[in-house]
Every structure is written in structure tokens, then in C-alpha cells.
Amino acid sequence: MIDLRVKDFMTHQPPQVSSTTLLADAVSTIEASDQDSAVVIDNDKVVGLLSERDCLKTLISNSYHCDGAPMASEFMNSSVTTVDAEDNILDIANKVVNCDVGGFCSQTCFPVMQQGTFIGLIGVKGLVEALNQHYKTCKAY
């Protein structure tokens, strides 16, 4: 069994916004990172995930009409699947590929929790990186 843990491949300082962050500011926060989503945190709790895709429709409309000041809460996904820091990368990757759980099908990154506290973010890119590093140690490579 491959023993690769989420905590060893997660982003330790992922983009974070609050539910009241203006959408344009949230997008800027995401763009300044290497992730495609920001974790939405209110009162030290994960309350959502805001992806670039979530923002796209509104940005098209608002940039065309130059109106409105929407907030992250209006577009974030509040039904967020999280993973534990000690979870095995292979188990998470299999859930993403096989869509065993709803959030694993729709999310491209997952908040990482340790004893109920948010500590980082792992995306599909991190899963691929971890498994590719392991694959390169195989004799077949």
C-alpha cells in the first residue's frame, strides 16, 4: 500500500476569504495563488469553497454592465467535502476518480482538517504530484 499522507502534499497557506469578501477581491486572492479556489472561512470555521468557475458567470455579467458588488457568500459552494491531514493520498485520489462521494466529483480541491481545525488545502494537482513522485520510484519507470 502506498503510504502518502495529505499533510505532506497540501498547500499550507492556501487562499482564504470570508463570506463577506467582495467577489472581485476574492478572485484577486485566488489569482495570486497557485490554486483554483479559495477556502471561505468565517469565525475560524470552513463555511465554503469559492472556485474560479463559481465566479465566472457573475464576472461576465458584472464586467459587461459594470454594476453590482457581489460577495463571496453569493457564489461559494457551502456544501464542502473536506479531507483529514492523515488521509492517504491514494484513497482520496480514488474517490476523486470514482466519484464515491458527491463532493469528490464536483470539487477540484479540498480543505484539509486536523482535529476539526482547518490547516491547509489539497487540490487534484497535489494528488497528481504525490502519485507521480511515488510512480517515479517504481522499477517500471
Protein backbone atom coordinates (compact mmCIF):
# COMPACT_ATOMS: atom_id res chain seq x y z
CA MET A 1 0.00 0.00 0.00
CA ILE A 2 1.27 3.45 -0.88
CA ASP A 3 1.76 5.48 2.31
CA LEU A 4 1.47 9.08 1.16
CA ARG A 5 -0.38 11.42 3.52
CA VAL A 6 -2.37 14.51 2.59
CA LYS A 7 -0.43 16.61 5.12
CA ASP A 8 2.79 16.03 3.17
CA PHE A 9 1.42 17.42 -0.12
CA MET A 10 -1.10 20.07 0.92
CA THR A 11 -0.73 23.80 0.48
CA HIS A 12 -0.08 25.17 3.97
CA GLN A 13 -1.14 28.75 3.27
CA PRO A 14 -3.96 28.48 0.73
CA PRO A 15 -6.04 31.43 -0.43
CA GLN A 16 -8.67 32.34 2.15
CA VAL A 17 -11.55 34.79 2.08
CA SER A 18 -14.57 35.47 4.26
CA SER A 19 -18.15 35.17 3.11
CA THR A 20 -18.37 38.99 3.05
CA THR A 21 -15.33 39.46 0.81
CA LEU A 22 -16.26 41.23 -2.40
CA LEU A 23 -16.19 38.86 -5.35
CA ALA A 24 -13.57 40.89 -7.24
CA ASP A 25 -11.28 40.81 -4.20
CA ALA A 26 -11.85 37.07 -3.76
CA VAL A 27 -10.92 36.46 -7.40
CA SER A 28 -7.75 38.52 -6.94
CA THR A 29 -6.88 36.40 -3.91
CA ILE A 30 -7.34 33.20 -5.91
CA GLU A 31 -5.34 34.57 -8.84
CA ALA A 32 -2.41 35.44 -6.56
CA SER A 33 -2.13 31.77 -5.53
CA ASP A 34 -1.37 28.51 -7.31
CA GLN A 35 -4.87 27.21 -6.54
CA ASP A 36 -8.13 27.48 -8.48
CA SER A 37 -10.23 28.03 -5.36
CA ALA A 38 -10.23 29.89 -2.07
CA VAL A 39 -11.44 28.50 1.22
CA VAL A 40 -14.20 30.63 2.71
CA ILE A 41 -13.70 30.98 6.46
CA ASP A 42 -15.90 32.77 8.98
CA ASN A 43 -15.16 32.70 12.71
CA ASP A 44 -12.32 30.19 12.18
CA LYS A 45 -14.69 27.70 10.51
CA VAL A 46 -14.74 26.49 6.91
CA VAL A 47 -18.10 27.65 5.56
CA GLY A 48 -17.49 27.28 1.85
CA LEU A 49 -15.24 26.96 -1.14
CA LEU A 50 -15.14 29.55 -3.92
CA SER A 51 -13.71 28.45 -7.25
CA GLU A 52 -12.80 30.47 -10.31
CA ARG A 53 -15.59 28.61 -12.09
CA ASP A 54 -18.10 29.78 -9.45
CA CYS A 55 -17.10 33.37 -10.19
CA LEU A 56 -17.06 33.24 -13.98
CA LYS A 57 -20.76 33.82 -14.78
CA THR A 58 -21.03 36.78 -12.44
CA LEU A 59 -17.80 38.31 -13.68
CA ILE A 60 -19.06 38.08 -17.26
CA SER A 61 -22.28 39.90 -16.36
CA ASN A 62 -20.81 42.45 -13.93
CA SER A 63 -17.82 43.32 -16.09
CA TYR A 64 -20.14 43.88 -19.07
CA HIS A 65 -22.66 46.02 -17.18
CA CYS A 66 -20.19 47.40 -14.61
CA ASP A 67 -22.73 47.09 -11.85
CA GLY A 68 -23.17 45.37 -8.54
CA ALA A 69 -20.76 44.44 -5.78
CA PRO A 70 -21.45 40.76 -5.10
CA MET A 71 -19.87 38.97 -2.15
CA ALA A 72 -18.26 35.54 -1.93
CA SER A 73 -21.24 34.18 0.01
CA GLU A 74 -23.47 34.58 -3.04
CA PHE A 75 -21.42 32.21 -5.18
CA MET A 76 -19.47 29.91 -2.88
CA ASN A 77 -20.20 26.23 -2.55
CA SER A 78 -21.35 25.83 1.03
CA SER A 79 -21.55 22.04 0.81
CA VAL A 80 -17.84 21.35 1.11
CA THR A 81 -16.15 17.97 1.27
CA THR A 82 -13.08 18.10 3.49
CA VAL A 83 -10.25 15.63 3.98
CA ASP A 84 -8.15 14.80 7.01
CA ALA A 85 -4.43 15.57 7.16
CA GLU A 86 -3.72 11.88 7.86
CA ASP A 87 -5.79 10.58 4.93
CA ASN A 88 -3.92 8.52 2.38
CA ILE A 89 -3.40 10.29 -0.97
CA LEU A 90 -4.32 7.13 -2.89
CA ASP A 91 -7.66 6.85 -1.07
CA ILE A 92 -8.53 10.48 -1.84
CA ALA A 93 -7.42 10.13 -5.48
CA ASN A 94 -9.58 7.02 -5.89
CA LYS A 95 -12.61 8.89 -4.52
CA VAL A 96 -11.99 11.74 -6.98
CA VAL A 97 -11.66 9.37 -9.93
CA ASN A 98 -14.56 7.11 -8.95
CA CYS A 99 -16.83 9.85 -7.51
CA ASP A 100 -17.66 7.75 -4.45
CA VAL A 101 -18.94 10.82 -2.63
CA GLY A 102 -20.70 13.84 -4.19
CA GLY A 103 -18.12 16.48 -3.27
CA PHE A 104 -15.32 14.42 -4.68
CA CYS A 105 -16.98 14.69 -8.09
CA SER A 106 -17.60 18.42 -8.09
CA GLN A 107 -14.65 19.90 -6.18
CA THR A 108 -11.15 20.35 -7.59
CA CYS A 109 -9.62 20.99 -4.18
CA PHE A 110 -10.38 20.04 -0.62
CA PRO A 111 -9.87 21.84 2.69
CA VAL A 112 -7.57 19.80 4.94
CA MET A 113 -8.63 19.38 8.55
CA GLN A 114 -6.72 18.20 11.60
CA GLN A 115 -8.70 17.53 14.75
CA GLY A 116 -11.53 19.72 13.43
CA THR A 117 -9.26 22.66 12.57
CA PHE A 118 -8.58 23.90 9.05
CA ILE A 119 -4.84 23.61 8.29
CA GLY A 120 -4.46 23.64 4.51
CA LEU A 121 -5.75 22.76 1.07
CA ILE A 122 -5.05 19.94 -1.34
CA GLY A 123 -6.12 20.00 -4.95
CA VAL A 124 -6.19 17.46 -7.73
CA LYS A 125 -2.83 18.91 -8.78
CA GLY A 126 -1.37 17.95 -5.38
CA LEU A 127 -2.79 14.45 -5.67
CA VAL A 128 -1.24 14.02 -9.13
CA GLU A 129 2.09 15.40 -7.89
CA ALA A 130 2.19 12.97 -4.95
CA LEU A 131 1.30 9.94 -7.02
CA ASN A 132 3.71 10.91 -9.79
CA GLN A 133 6.56 11.28 -7.29
CA HIS A 134 5.77 7.80 -6.00
CA TYR A 135 5.49 6.39 -9.52
CA LYS A 136 8.97 7.68 -10.36
CA THR A 137 10.37 5.47 -7.58
CA CYS A 138 8.92 2.34 -9.19
CA LYS A 139 11.20 -0.08 -11.03
CA ALA A 140 8.95 0.13 -14.08
CA TYR A 141 9.73 3.83 -14.51
